[in-house]
Amino acid sequence: MPSIVGNLKINSIGSSGVVNIGDSMYISPSSSAKTFAGAGSFNTGDFGQTNNTLSATNTSDPDISDQNTSK
């Protein structure tokens, strides 16, 4: 479906970012990431309190590839 786009300002685009203006059938960014984090790692807020007596993160990854990406 055609569209009319007015003023547009793009300050920055990351290395795997996607910008679409107009019609598109399929958009797929080409990046993948894996994050390992222990207990309480992603807590946010003003008065956060996390009590972890024992925290261990299993970073063992026996498979060769988790998410294949190609450009």
N, C-alpha and C. Protein backbone atom coordinates (compact mmCIF):
# COMPACT_ATOMS: atom_id res chain seq x y z
N MET A 1 0.85 -1.17 0.00
CA MET A 1 0.00 0.00 0.00
C MET A 1 0.90 1.23 0.00
N PRO A 2 0.74 2.12 -0.94
CA PRO A 2 1.56 3.32 -1.00
C PRO A 2 1.35 4.21 0.21
N SER A 3 2.40 4.92 0.58
CA SER A 3 2.31 5.84 1.71
C SER A 3 3.07 7.12 1.39
N ILE A 4 2.72 8.17 2.08
CA ILE A 4 3.41 9.45 1.95
C ILE A 4 4.16 9.69 3.26
N VAL A 5 5.46 9.88 3.16
CA VAL A 5 6.29 10.09 4.33
C VAL A 5 6.69 11.55 4.39
N GLY A 6 6.48 12.18 5.53
CA GLY A 6 6.86 13.58 5.71
C GLY A 6 8.31 13.71 6.08
N ASN A 7 8.63 14.69 6.88
CA ASN A 7 10.01 14.91 7.32
C ASN A 7 10.50 13.71 8.10
N LEU A 8 11.75 13.36 7.89
CA LEU A 8 12.34 12.20 8.54
C LEU A 8 13.77 12.52 8.90
N LYS A 9 14.15 12.23 10.14
CA LYS A 9 15.53 12.43 10.58
C LYS A 9 16.00 11.15 11.26
N ILE A 10 17.05 10.56 10.76
CA ILE A 10 17.65 9.37 11.35
C ILE A 10 19.01 9.77 11.89
N ASN A 11 19.17 9.73 13.21
CA ASN A 11 20.44 10.13 13.82
C ASN A 11 21.51 9.08 13.66
N SER A 12 21.15 7.82 13.88
CA SER A 12 22.14 6.77 13.73
C SER A 12 21.44 5.43 13.56
N ILE A 13 22.14 4.52 12.93
CA ILE A 13 21.64 3.16 12.73
C ILE A 13 22.77 2.22 13.13
N GLY A 14 22.46 1.23 13.94
CA GLY A 14 23.47 0.27 14.36
C GLY A 14 23.93 -0.60 13.21
N SER A 15 24.97 -1.37 13.43
CA SER A 15 25.55 -2.19 12.36
C SER A 15 24.59 -3.26 11.86
N SER A 16 23.63 -3.68 12.68
CA SER A 16 22.67 -4.68 12.22
C SER A 16 21.25 -4.14 12.26
N GLY A 17 21.10 -2.83 12.22
CA GLY A 17 19.78 -2.21 12.27
C GLY A 17 19.09 -2.26 10.92
N VAL A 18 17.76 -2.12 10.95
CA VAL A 18 16.96 -2.13 9.73
C VAL A 18 16.08 -0.90 9.73
N VAL A 19 16.11 -0.14 8.64
CA VAL A 19 15.22 1.01 8.46
C VAL A 19 14.39 0.75 7.23
N ASN A 20 13.09 0.86 7.37
CA ASN A 20 12.19 0.64 6.25
C ASN A 20 11.31 1.86 6.07
N ILE A 21 11.31 2.42 4.87
CA ILE A 21 10.42 3.52 4.53
C ILE A 21 9.67 3.08 3.28
N GLY A 22 8.39 2.85 3.43
CA GLY A 22 7.59 2.39 2.30
C GLY A 22 7.20 0.94 2.46
N ASP A 23 6.88 0.32 1.33
CA ASP A 23 6.38 -1.05 1.34
C ASP A 23 7.53 -2.05 1.51
N SER A 24 7.22 -3.13 2.18
CA SER A 24 8.20 -4.18 2.38
C SER A 24 7.48 -5.49 2.61
N MET A 25 8.00 -6.55 2.02
CA MET A 25 7.40 -7.87 2.22
C MET A 25 8.06 -8.59 3.39
N TYR A 26 9.37 -8.45 3.53
CA TYR A 26 10.10 -9.22 4.53
C TYR A 26 11.31 -8.43 5.00
N ILE A 27 11.44 -8.22 6.30
CA ILE A 27 12.60 -7.53 6.87
C ILE A 27 13.18 -8.42 7.95
N SER A 28 14.48 -8.64 7.89
CA SER A 28 15.11 -9.49 8.88
C SER A 28 16.51 -8.97 9.21
N PRO A 29 16.72 -8.47 10.43
CA PRO A 29 18.08 -8.05 10.82
C PRO A 29 19.02 -9.26 10.86
N SER A 30 20.28 -9.05 10.57
CA SER A 30 21.22 -10.17 10.53
C SER A 30 22.23 -10.08 11.67
N SER A 31 21.76 -10.34 12.87
CA SER A 31 22.68 -10.41 14.00
C SER A 31 22.09 -11.35 15.04
N SER A 32 22.95 -11.87 15.87
CA SER A 32 22.49 -12.71 16.97
C SER A 32 23.42 -12.48 18.15
N ALA A 33 22.91 -12.75 19.33
CA ALA A 33 23.72 -12.53 20.54
C ALA A 33 23.30 -13.52 21.62
N LYS A 34 24.22 -13.85 22.46
CA LYS A 34 23.93 -14.70 23.61
C LYS A 34 24.45 -14.00 24.85
N THR A 35 23.63 -13.92 25.87
CA THR A 35 24.00 -13.21 27.09
C THR A 35 23.94 -14.16 28.28
N PHE A 36 25.00 -14.21 29.03
CA PHE A 36 25.03 -14.97 30.27
C PHE A 36 25.00 -13.98 31.42
N ALA A 37 24.14 -14.22 32.40
CA ALA A 37 24.06 -13.31 33.53
C ALA A 37 23.61 -14.09 34.77
N GLY A 38 24.14 -13.70 35.90
CA GLY A 38 23.80 -14.35 37.15
C GLY A 38 22.57 -13.74 37.80
N ALA A 39 22.26 -14.21 38.98
CA ALA A 39 21.08 -13.74 39.71
C ALA A 39 21.19 -12.26 40.00
N GLY A 40 20.13 -11.52 39.73
CA GLY A 40 20.09 -10.10 40.01
C GLY A 40 20.82 -9.22 39.02
N SER A 41 21.23 -9.76 37.88
CA SER A 41 22.02 -8.98 36.93
C SER A 41 21.23 -7.90 36.22
N PHE A 42 19.98 -8.15 35.89
CA PHE A 42 19.20 -7.20 35.10
C PHE A 42 18.16 -6.46 35.92
N ASN A 43 18.37 -6.34 37.21
CA ASN A 43 17.44 -5.59 38.05
C ASN A 43 17.60 -4.10 37.78
N THR A 44 16.47 -3.40 37.68
CA THR A 44 16.51 -1.96 37.47
C THR A 44 15.58 -1.29 38.47
N GLY A 45 15.77 -0.01 38.68
CA GLY A 45 14.91 0.73 39.59
C GLY A 45 15.73 1.60 40.52
N ASP A 46 15.02 2.38 41.30
CA ASP A 46 15.69 3.32 42.20
C ASP A 46 16.22 2.67 43.46
N PHE A 47 15.46 1.77 44.06
CA PHE A 47 15.84 1.20 45.36
C PHE A 47 15.90 -0.32 45.28
N GLY A 48 16.59 -0.84 44.28
CA GLY A 48 16.67 -2.30 44.12
C GLY A 48 17.51 -2.95 45.19
N GLN A 49 17.07 -4.09 45.65
CA GLN A 49 17.83 -4.84 46.65
C GLN A 49 17.75 -6.31 46.28
N THR A 50 18.90 -6.94 46.10
CA THR A 50 18.96 -8.35 45.74
C THR A 50 19.87 -9.05 46.73
N ASN A 51 19.36 -10.08 47.33
CA ASN A 51 20.15 -10.86 48.29
C ASN A 51 20.40 -12.24 47.70
N ASN A 52 21.62 -12.50 47.28
CA ASN A 52 21.99 -13.78 46.69
C ASN A 52 23.05 -14.43 47.56
N THR A 53 22.67 -15.47 48.26
CA THR A 53 23.63 -16.17 49.08
C THR A 53 24.65 -16.90 48.21
N LEU A 54 24.16 -17.60 47.18
CA LEU A 54 25.02 -18.33 46.26
C LEU A 54 24.47 -18.16 44.86
N SER A 55 25.29 -17.70 43.95
CA SER A 55 24.86 -17.48 42.58
C SER A 55 25.90 -18.05 41.64
N ALA A 56 25.47 -18.90 40.71
CA ALA A 56 26.37 -19.46 39.71
C ALA A 56 25.64 -19.48 38.38
N THR A 57 26.35 -19.11 37.33
CA THR A 57 25.77 -19.08 35.99
C THR A 57 26.45 -20.14 35.15
N ASN A 58 25.66 -21.03 34.56
CA ASN A 58 26.18 -22.09 33.71
C ASN A 58 26.41 -21.52 32.32
N THR A 59 27.66 -21.40 31.91
CA THR A 59 27.98 -20.88 30.58
C THR A 59 28.43 -21.98 29.63
N SER A 60 28.20 -23.22 29.98
CA SER A 60 28.55 -24.33 29.11
C SER A 60 27.62 -24.34 27.90
N ASP A 61 28.20 -24.41 26.70
CA ASP A 61 27.43 -24.41 25.46
C ASP A 61 28.01 -25.46 24.53
N PRO A 62 27.55 -26.71 24.62
CA PRO A 62 28.18 -27.79 23.87
C PRO A 62 27.90 -27.77 22.36
N ASP A 63 26.81 -27.14 21.92
CA ASP A 63 26.54 -27.15 20.48
C ASP A 63 27.43 -26.14 19.75
N ILE A 64 27.60 -26.34 18.47
CA ILE A 64 28.53 -25.51 17.69
C ILE A 64 27.90 -24.17 17.33
N SER A 65 26.64 -24.17 16.93
CA SER A 65 26.00 -22.93 16.49
C SER A 65 24.59 -22.87 17.03
N ASP A 66 24.22 -21.72 17.60
CA ASP A 66 22.88 -21.56 18.17
C ASP A 66 21.91 -20.94 17.19
N GLN A 67 22.31 -19.88 16.54
CA GLN A 67 21.42 -19.14 15.65
C GLN A 67 22.24 -18.69 14.46
N ASN A 68 22.06 -19.37 13.34
CA ASN A 68 22.85 -19.05 12.14
C ASN A 68 22.30 -17.80 11.48
N THR A 69 23.16 -16.87 11.14
CA THR A 69 22.78 -15.67 10.41
C THR A 69 23.67 -15.54 9.19
N SER A 70 23.12 -14.98 8.14
CA SER A 70 23.90 -14.72 6.94
C SER A 70 23.46 -13.41 6.34
N LYS A 71 24.34 -12.75 5.65
CA LYS A 71 24.01 -11.46 5.04
C LYS A 71 23.64 -11.62 3.61
